[in-house]
Amino acid sequence: MKTNDKAAPAWATWNFELGTLNSSLLVHVCCGECAVAVLERVRRCGRVSFHFFNPNINTLLEFRRRLTAVQTLADREHLALVADDRYDLKGFLARTAPWDRPARCLACYRLRLGETARVAAEQGFAAITTTLLASEHQDHEAIRRIGQEEAAARGLEFHYEDWRPLAEHGHQEARRLSLYRQQYCGCVFSEEERFGPTRLYVYRGGATGRPDGDGGET
């Protein structure tokens, strides 16, 4: 494991809710930005590996950007990564229908955490957790409940901590490391919820013929 000789960041002294940390932890990673937010925290757990399983992410190129960010961070920090690089939009839609909130999000949590629990049990980990817990936009109570259920079904523990105070640290570290930073949760429905109310890329006329937000890239 790589040694970090830098001074501890300010957030390291914050009073988190401390669960029972196991000697081995498989961390479901949703994106590079959330992963780097909790990196130093999860490293205290002993044997730690990342697990990328996010069939919810739309589009294909967005999926690749997020996977590449996680791979880049794992390589940089010498962390093992179990990555499912299949883009399975059809499978995600089939497993999460009907697609209205909150049912869609609950099904998505169960899909991803269930797979992380399966992989963890198969590879001999004692516990799982998820970087979703660093997001202010996620339902923490639902993640905690579903995580505990899926972990228990495999004879594992689910490690819960409220990592939302680390979100800003994650933003800063992602910028410093030039990791991709997404603008919506992941699925096609969350993209619509994020950008639907905006005027981004809506044509308003003009000499260029370009919609707002279009920098002319090809």
Protein backbone atom coordinates (compact mmCIF):
# COMPACT_ATOMS: atom_id res chain seq x y z
CA MET A 1 0.00 0.00 0.00
CA LYS A 2 1.28 3.40 -0.93
CA THR A 3 2.37 5.56 1.99
CA ASN A 4 0.99 9.06 2.21
CA ASP A 5 3.62 11.32 3.74
CA LYS A 6 1.56 14.48 3.38
CA ALA A 7 -0.02 16.15 6.39
CA ALA A 8 -3.52 14.89 7.18
CA PRO A 9 -6.24 16.98 5.52
CA ALA A 10 -8.43 19.09 7.78
CA TRP A 11 -11.42 16.80 7.38
CA ALA A 12 -9.48 13.88 8.87
CA THR A 13 -10.20 15.20 12.37
CA TRP A 14 -13.97 15.51 11.89
CA ASN A 15 -16.18 13.41 14.15
CA PHE A 16 -17.67 10.77 11.87
CA GLU A 17 -20.08 8.09 12.93
CA LEU A 18 -17.70 5.20 13.43
CA GLY A 19 -18.95 1.73 12.64
CA THR A 20 -17.03 -1.48 13.10
CA LEU A 21 -14.25 -1.39 10.52
CA ASN A 22 -13.30 -4.76 9.14
CA SER A 23 -9.93 -6.01 7.96
CA SER A 24 -11.16 -6.13 4.36
CA LEU A 25 -13.56 -3.84 2.54
CA LEU A 26 -14.88 -3.79 -1.03
CA VAL A 27 -15.93 -0.27 -1.94
CA HIS A 28 -18.59 0.21 -4.59
CA VAL A 29 -17.37 3.23 -6.54
CA CYS A 30 -19.82 5.36 -8.50
CA CYS A 31 -17.30 7.86 -9.91
CA GLY A 32 -13.78 9.20 -9.50
CA GLU A 33 -14.89 12.35 -7.71
CA CYS A 34 -16.68 10.50 -4.90
CA ALA A 35 -13.91 7.90 -4.72
CA VAL A 36 -11.19 10.45 -4.15
CA ALA A 37 -13.38 12.14 -1.53
CA VAL A 38 -13.37 9.06 0.74
CA LEU A 39 -10.05 7.54 -0.27
CA GLU A 40 -8.06 8.34 2.86
CA ARG A 41 -10.98 7.36 5.06
CA VAL A 42 -11.52 3.88 3.60
CA ARG A 43 -7.80 3.16 3.53
CA ARG A 44 -7.89 2.94 7.31
CA CYS A 45 -9.94 -0.24 7.00
CA GLY A 46 -7.03 -2.48 6.03
CA ARG A 47 -7.41 -4.42 2.79
CA VAL A 48 -9.42 -2.16 0.46
CA SER A 49 -10.41 -2.64 -3.17
CA PHE A 50 -12.65 -0.68 -5.52
CA HIS A 51 -15.61 -2.17 -7.36
CA PHE A 52 -17.02 -0.36 -10.40
CA PHE A 53 -20.47 -1.66 -11.32
CA ASN A 54 -22.73 1.09 -12.61
CA PRO A 55 -25.03 -0.04 -15.44
CA ASN A 56 -27.21 2.98 -14.71
CA ILE A 57 -24.77 5.42 -16.29
CA ASN A 58 -25.95 6.92 -19.57
CA THR A 59 -24.61 7.54 -22.26
CA LEU A 60 -21.92 5.11 -23.43
CA LEU A 61 -19.34 7.91 -23.57
CA GLU A 62 -20.37 9.15 -20.13
CA PHE A 63 -19.97 5.58 -18.84
CA ARG A 64 -16.47 5.41 -20.29
CA ARG A 65 -15.49 8.78 -18.84
CA ARG A 66 -16.48 7.75 -15.34
CA LEU A 67 -14.88 4.33 -15.59
CA THR A 68 -11.65 5.89 -16.88
CA ALA A 69 -11.61 8.33 -13.95
CA VAL A 70 -11.93 5.45 -11.48
CA GLN A 71 -9.27 3.42 -13.29
CA THR A 72 -6.93 6.43 -13.29
CA LEU A 73 -7.37 6.95 -9.56
CA ALA A 74 -6.93 3.26 -8.74
CA ASP A 75 -3.73 3.09 -10.79
CA ARG A 76 -2.38 6.25 -9.21
CA GLU A 77 -3.08 5.02 -5.68
CA HIS A 78 -2.08 1.38 -6.32
CA LEU A 79 -5.52 0.08 -5.37
CA ALA A 80 -7.04 -3.11 -6.73
CA LEU A 81 -10.07 -2.47 -8.94
CA VAL A 82 -12.75 -4.93 -9.98
CA ALA A 83 -14.44 -3.23 -12.91
CA ASP A 84 -17.42 -4.36 -14.94
CA ASP A 85 -16.88 -2.47 -18.19
CA ARG A 86 -20.06 -3.66 -19.89
CA TYR A 87 -22.45 -0.90 -20.92
CA ASP A 88 -25.80 -2.50 -20.12
CA LEU A 89 -28.48 0.15 -20.63
CA LYS A 90 -31.15 -2.39 -21.57
CA GLY A 91 -30.42 -4.48 -18.49
CA PHE A 92 -30.58 -1.44 -16.23
CA LEU A 93 -33.91 -0.31 -17.65
CA ALA A 94 -35.38 -3.79 -17.30
CA ARG A 95 -34.26 -4.07 -13.66
CA THR A 96 -35.50 -0.64 -12.55
CA ALA A 97 -38.90 -0.28 -14.24
CA PRO A 98 -41.21 1.50 -13.54
CA TRP A 99 -38.86 4.45 -13.69
CA ASP A 100 -40.46 7.04 -11.43
CA ARG A 101 -38.87 8.17 -8.19
CA PRO A 102 -38.33 6.81 -5.60
CA ALA A 103 -38.83 3.27 -6.92
CA ARG A 104 -36.27 3.75 -9.68
CA CYS A 105 -33.55 4.90 -7.30
CA LEU A 106 -34.25 2.17 -4.76
CA ALA A 107 -34.03 -0.49 -7.48
CA CYS A 108 -30.79 1.08 -8.72
CA TYR A 109 -29.25 0.99 -5.24
CA ARG A 110 -30.22 -2.65 -4.85
CA LEU A 111 -28.89 -3.59 -8.28
CA ARG A 112 -25.47 -2.07 -7.65
CA LEU A 113 -25.02 -2.94 -3.98
CA GLY A 114 -26.29 -6.46 -4.57
CA GLU A 115 -23.63 -7.04 -7.19
CA THR A 116 -20.93 -5.55 -4.97
CA ALA A 117 -22.00 -7.89 -2.16
CA ARG A 118 -21.86 -10.87 -4.52
CA VAL A 119 -18.35 -10.00 -5.68
CA ALA A 120 -17.20 -9.29 -2.12
CA ALA A 121 -18.40 -12.66 -0.86
CA GLU A 122 -16.83 -14.42 -3.84
CA GLN A 123 -13.45 -12.77 -3.25
CA GLY A 124 -13.34 -13.13 0.53
CA PHE A 125 -14.08 -9.59 1.72
CA ALA A 126 -15.69 -9.08 5.12
CA ALA A 127 -17.67 -5.94 4.35
CA ILE A 128 -18.88 -3.59 1.64
CA THR A 129 -19.61 0.11 1.42
CA THR A 130 -20.26 2.66 -1.33
CA THR A 131 -18.99 6.07 -2.35
CA LEU A 132 -22.62 7.08 -2.92
CA LEU A 133 -22.49 8.01 0.76
CA ALA A 134 -20.35 11.04 -0.16
CA SER A 135 -23.16 12.57 -2.20
CA GLU A 136 -25.65 15.10 -0.88
CA HIS A 137 -28.09 14.03 -3.58
CA GLN A 138 -28.52 10.40 -2.50
CA ASP A 139 -31.00 8.85 -0.06
CA HIS A 140 -28.72 7.79 2.78
CA GLU A 141 -31.36 5.94 4.78
CA ALA A 142 -32.31 3.87 1.74
CA ILE A 143 -28.68 3.13 0.89
CA ARG A 144 -28.00 2.08 4.46
CA ARG A 145 -31.04 -0.21 4.63
CA ILE A 146 -30.49 -1.80 1.22
CA GLY A 147 -26.75 -2.11 1.78
CA GLN A 148 -27.32 -3.92 5.06
CA GLU A 149 -29.87 -6.25 3.47
CA GLU A 150 -27.69 -7.15 0.50
CA ALA A 151 -24.59 -7.58 2.65
CA ALA A 152 -26.39 -9.75 5.21
CA ALA A 153 -27.74 -11.98 2.45
CA ARG A 154 -24.11 -12.82 1.61
CA GLY A 155 -22.88 -13.13 5.18
CA LEU A 156 -21.16 -9.73 5.10
CA GLU A 157 -21.36 -6.42 6.92
CA PHE A 158 -22.31 -3.09 5.41
CA HIS A 159 -20.13 -0.24 6.59
CA TYR A 160 -22.04 3.02 6.81
CA GLU A 161 -20.57 6.46 7.36
CA ASP A 162 -22.02 9.84 6.46
CA TRP A 163 -19.33 11.06 4.09
CA ARG A 164 -21.24 14.09 2.82
CA PRO A 165 -18.87 16.47 4.65
CA LEU A 166 -16.12 15.13 2.37
CA ALA A 167 -17.90 16.13 -0.85
CA GLU A 168 -16.10 19.45 -1.22
CA HIS A 169 -12.76 17.77 -0.60
CA GLY A 170 -13.65 15.37 -3.42
CA HIS A 171 -14.45 18.25 -5.77
CA GLN A 172 -11.11 19.90 -5.02
CA GLU A 173 -9.07 16.71 -5.35
CA ALA A 174 -10.80 15.77 -8.61
CA ARG A 175 -9.91 19.16 -10.05
CA ARG A 176 -6.33 18.88 -8.80
CA LEU A 177 -5.91 15.42 -10.32
CA SER A 178 -7.83 16.31 -13.51
CA LEU A 179 -10.34 13.54 -12.90
CA TYR A 180 -13.58 13.66 -14.84
CA ARG A 181 -16.35 15.43 -12.89
CA GLN A 182 -19.88 14.52 -13.92
CA GLN A 183 -22.86 16.86 -13.86
CA TYR A 184 -25.70 14.44 -13.10
CA CYS A 185 -26.25 11.27 -11.11
CA GLY A 186 -25.94 8.86 -14.01
CA CYS A 187 -29.10 7.46 -15.56
CA VAL A 188 -30.99 8.93 -18.51
CA PHE A 189 -33.77 10.04 -16.17
CA SER A 190 -31.40 11.90 -13.87
CA GLU A 191 -29.89 13.63 -16.91
CA GLU A 192 -33.34 14.85 -17.87
CA GLU A 193 -34.01 16.01 -14.31
CA ARG A 194 -30.68 17.87 -14.25
CA PHE A 195 -30.82 19.61 -17.63
CA GLY A 196 -34.54 19.65 -18.50
CA PRO A 197 -35.22 22.87 -16.57
CA THR A 198 -32.21 24.61 -18.14
CA ARG A 199 -31.73 26.24 -21.54
CA LEU A 200 -28.43 24.50 -22.21
CA TYR A 201 -28.01 23.62 -25.90
CA VAL A 202 -31.36 25.20 -26.78
CA TYR A 203 -31.19 27.13 -30.04
CA ARG A 204 -31.91 30.83 -29.70
CA GLY A 205 -30.94 32.04 -33.13
CA GLY A 206 -27.98 34.15 -34.10
CA ALA A 207 -25.30 34.32 -36.73
CA THR A 208 -23.41 31.23 -35.55
CA GLY A 209 -26.38 28.92 -35.72
CA ARG A 210 -25.19 27.28 -32.51
CA PRO A 211 -27.35 26.57 -29.46
CA ASP A 212 -26.45 27.94 -26.05
CA GLY A 213 -23.62 25.96 -24.48
CA ASP A 214 -22.14 24.74 -27.77
CA GLY A 215 -18.50 25.63 -28.02
CA GLY A 216 -18.28 24.42 -31.59
CA GLU A 217 -16.46 21.15 -30.86
CA THR A 218 -16.72 18.39 -33.42
